[in-house]
Protein backbone atom coordinates (compact mmCIF):
# COMPACT_ATOMS: atom_id res chain seq x y z
CA MET A 1 0.07 -0.01 -0.02
CA ILE A 2 3.09 2.58 0.42
CA ARG A 3 4.52 3.88 -2.65
CA SER A 4 7.39 6.52 -3.36
CA PRO A 5 7.87 8.78 -6.29
CA ARG A 6 11.25 8.58 -7.93
CA ALA A 7 11.98 12.12 -6.89
CA ALA A 8 13.36 12.23 -3.44
CA PHE A 9 10.93 13.25 -0.78
CA GLY A 10 11.76 16.59 1.09
CA VAL A 11 12.21 14.96 4.45
CA ALA A 12 13.10 18.24 6.29
CA ALA A 13 9.78 19.97 4.86
CA LEU A 14 7.76 16.80 5.85
CA LEU A 15 9.29 16.47 9.41
CA CYS A 16 8.81 20.24 10.22
CA GLY A 17 5.14 20.10 9.64
CA PHE A 18 4.73 17.55 12.63
CA ALA A 19 5.24 20.45 15.09
CA MET A 20 1.69 21.37 14.18
CA VAL A 21 0.13 17.98 15.00
CA ALA A 22 -0.97 18.91 18.53
CA THR A 23 -2.89 22.11 17.52
CA ALA A 24 -4.69 20.25 14.70
CA GLN A 25 -6.00 17.24 16.56
CA ASP A 26 -9.60 18.64 16.47
CA LYS A 27 -9.75 18.91 12.70
CA LYS A 28 -12.94 16.97 11.45
CA ALA A 29 -13.47 14.97 8.29
CA PRO A 30 -15.68 16.96 5.68
CA LYS A 31 -19.31 16.25 5.24
CA GLY A 32 -19.77 14.56 8.63
CA ASP A 33 -17.38 11.52 7.58
CA LYS A 34 -15.62 9.84 10.25
CA ASP A 35 -12.84 11.68 11.69
CA PHE A 36 -9.44 10.88 9.95
CA ASP A 37 -6.93 9.36 12.46
CA ASP A 38 -3.33 9.97 11.55
CA ALA A 39 -2.15 7.06 13.79
CA GLU A 40 -4.64 4.61 12.35
CA PHE A 41 -3.41 5.62 8.81
CA VAL A 42 0.04 5.20 9.48
CA MET A 43 -0.44 1.86 11.15
CA LYS A 44 -2.44 0.61 8.15
CA ALA A 45 -0.28 2.09 5.56
CA SER A 46 2.86 0.87 7.28
CA GLU A 47 1.19 -2.75 7.41
CA GLY A 48 0.45 -2.43 3.72
CA GLY A 49 4.00 -1.25 3.01
CA LEU A 50 5.55 -4.27 4.74
CA TYR A 51 3.38 -6.55 2.73
CA GLU A 52 4.31 -4.79 -0.52
CA VAL A 53 8.10 -5.33 0.12
CA GLN A 54 7.23 -9.09 0.99
CA VAL A 55 4.97 -9.50 -2.05
CA HIS A 56 7.22 -7.82 -4.67
CA THR A 57 10.16 -9.70 -3.26
CA LEU A 58 8.39 -12.99 -3.75
CA ALA A 59 7.24 -11.82 -7.39
CA THR A 60 10.82 -11.25 -8.08
CA LYS A 61 11.50 -14.87 -7.54
CA MET A 62 8.39 -16.61 -8.58
CA ALA A 63 6.95 -14.81 -11.45
CA LYS A 64 7.14 -16.59 -14.86
CA SER A 65 7.04 -13.51 -16.97
CA GLU A 66 10.07 -11.27 -17.25
CA ASP A 67 8.00 -8.30 -17.44
CA VAL A 68 6.22 -9.21 -14.17
CA LYS A 69 9.65 -9.59 -12.62
CA LYS A 70 10.87 -6.22 -13.82
CA HIS A 71 7.65 -4.83 -12.68
CA ALA A 72 7.92 -6.22 -9.11
CA THR A 73 11.58 -5.17 -8.99
CA MET A 74 10.37 -1.49 -9.71
CA MET A 75 7.67 -1.77 -7.17
CA LEU A 76 10.00 -3.13 -4.52
CA LYS A 77 12.17 -0.28 -5.03
CA ASP A 78 9.49 2.28 -4.76
CA HIS A 79 7.76 0.73 -1.80
CA THR A 80 11.00 0.23 0.31
CA LYS A 81 11.76 3.89 -0.22
CA LEU A 82 8.28 5.04 0.75
CA ASN A 83 8.38 2.76 3.84
CA ALA A 84 11.66 4.51 4.85
CA GLU A 85 9.88 7.98 4.42
CA MET A 86 6.74 6.79 6.41
CA LYS A 87 8.83 5.58 9.19
CA LYS A 88 10.69 8.87 9.38
CA VAL A 89 7.53 11.05 9.31
CA ALA A 90 5.83 8.64 11.89
CA SER A 91 8.82 8.60 14.25
CA ALA A 92 9.08 12.57 14.20
CA GLY A 93 5.38 12.72 14.86
CA GLY A 94 5.19 10.29 17.74
CA LEU A 95 3.35 7.65 15.76
CA LYS A 96 3.95 3.96 15.55
CA VAL A 97 4.49 2.11 12.54
CA ALA A 98 3.57 -1.76 11.92
CA THR A 99 6.24 -4.32 12.51
CA LYS A 100 4.37 -7.12 10.82
CA ILE A 101 1.73 -7.61 8.21
CA ASP A 102 -2.02 -8.16 9.04
CA ALA A 103 -3.71 -11.34 8.75
CA LYS A 104 -5.32 -10.77 5.32
CA HIS A 105 -2.07 -10.00 3.73
CA ALA A 106 -0.35 -12.92 5.35
CA LYS A 107 -3.13 -15.09 3.82
CA THR A 108 -2.65 -13.60 0.46
CA LEU A 109 1.03 -14.21 0.68
CA GLU A 110 0.55 -17.90 1.55
CA THR A 111 -1.89 -18.30 -1.55
CA LEU A 112 0.61 -16.75 -3.74
CA LYS A 113 3.51 -18.86 -2.54
CA ALA A 114 1.41 -22.05 -3.64
CA LEU A 115 0.98 -20.80 -7.18
CA LYS A 116 3.35 -21.40 -9.95
CA GLY A 117 3.98 -19.73 -13.48
CA ALA A 118 1.27 -18.05 -15.26
CA ALA A 119 -1.16 -18.64 -12.33
CA PHE A 120 1.30 -16.75 -9.93
CA ASP A 121 1.54 -13.89 -12.40
CA LYS A 122 -2.14 -13.53 -12.72
CA ALA A 123 -2.96 -13.85 -9.05
CA TYR A 124 -0.17 -11.35 -8.22
CA LEU A 125 -1.30 -8.74 -10.89
CA ASP A 126 -4.98 -9.15 -9.50
CA ASP A 127 -3.77 -8.53 -6.10
CA GLN A 128 -1.92 -5.58 -6.90
CA LEU A 129 -4.83 -4.01 -8.81
CA GLU A 130 -7.14 -4.39 -5.87
CA ASP A 131 -4.14 -3.33 -3.48
CA HIS A 132 -3.41 -0.13 -5.48
CA GLU A 133 -7.06 1.01 -5.80
CA ALA A 134 -7.58 0.69 -2.00
CA ASP A 135 -4.04 2.45 -1.44
CA ILE A 136 -5.21 5.51 -3.66
CA LYS A 137 -8.29 5.86 -1.71
CA GLU A 138 -6.31 5.86 1.55
CA PHE A 139 -3.76 8.20 0.64
CA THR A 140 -6.04 10.47 -0.90
CA ALA A 141 -8.00 10.79 2.34
CA ALA A 142 -4.69 11.19 4.10
CA SER A 143 -3.66 13.95 1.44
CA GLU A 144 -6.86 15.68 2.30
CA MET A 145 -7.53 15.21 5.87
CA ALA A 146 -4.47 14.11 7.86
CA LYS A 147 -3.87 16.28 10.80
CA ALA A 148 -0.22 16.39 10.60
CA PRO A 149 1.12 18.48 7.65
CA ALA A 150 4.20 16.33 7.22
CA LEU A 151 2.03 13.23 6.99
CA LYS A 152 -0.45 14.97 4.59
CA ALA A 153 2.47 16.01 2.38
CA LEU A 154 3.83 12.46 2.42
CA ALA A 155 0.46 11.22 1.29
CA THR A 156 0.27 13.90 -1.40
CA LYS A 157 3.62 13.21 -2.81
CA ALA A 158 3.04 9.40 -2.79
CA LEU A 159 -0.32 9.57 -4.80
CA PRO A 160 1.25 10.23 -8.31
CA THR A 161 3.45 7.06 -7.73
CA LEU A 162 0.43 4.95 -6.61
CA LYS A 163 -1.57 6.02 -9.53
CA GLU A 164 1.58 5.07 -11.89
CA HIS A 165 1.70 1.71 -10.27
CA LEU A 166 -2.11 1.06 -10.82
CA ASP A 167 -1.78 2.27 -14.48
CA MET A 168 1.23 -0.08 -14.90
CA VAL A 169 -0.67 -3.00 -13.34
CA LYS A 170 -3.71 -2.41 -15.69
CA LYS A 171 -1.42 -2.30 -18.68
CA ALA A 172 0.39 -5.50 -17.68
CA GLN A 173 -2.98 -7.21 -17.13
CA ASP A 174 -4.12 -5.94 -20.58
CA GLU A 175 -1.04 -7.12 -22.28
CA LYS A 176 -1.47 -10.70 -20.73
CA GLY A 177 -5.30 -10.74 -21.36
CA ASP A 178 -5.83 -11.28 -17.67
CA LYS A 179 -7.73 -8.43 -16.75
CA LYS A 180 -9.74 -9.34 -13.62
C-alpha cells in the first residue's frame, strides 16, 4: 500500500510539519465523515508497506514473465523507499508503524506462494490491482484530512506513484489478457 515517487521526498519539509500536530487534533473530516486518524492511517499504511515489500520480493523470484519480474523489482524499490519515509515521518510525529503484516495480507502471501508460473503472475497482478485501488483511496484521504502537515505532504507526494503503479498493473493485465 506505500509507494514512493522516484523524486526524493523533502524529508526536512515533511518533518517540520509535525510540530503542528498537537494544534490540529480537532480537525474533522468533511461532510460528517468519520474523523481521520493519523495514527490509524500510519499503522494501516505501514502494514501495507511491509506487505508490498514481501509480495514484490516474492514476485521477483516466482514470476514466470520477465515483465512481471521487472514490474515487481521497480515496485519493490518504490515501496522500500516510501516505507523509509513513512517511518521517519511517523517517528518525528510520535506515531507507531507496523512491525508485521496483518492476517489478510499474510493469507494472500501464503496463497501466492502456492502458485506457479502464469497462475502466480495472474494472481499477483490481480492482487496488485485491488491493493493499489485501495491504497489510492487511503492516501487520497490522508492527503486531504491528515492532521499532521508532514503526513499530509507525504501522502500527497506518494499519490502520483500509486496512480502510476495502478496504471502499470492495468497495462500488464491488458497485455497478458488477464484483466480481472
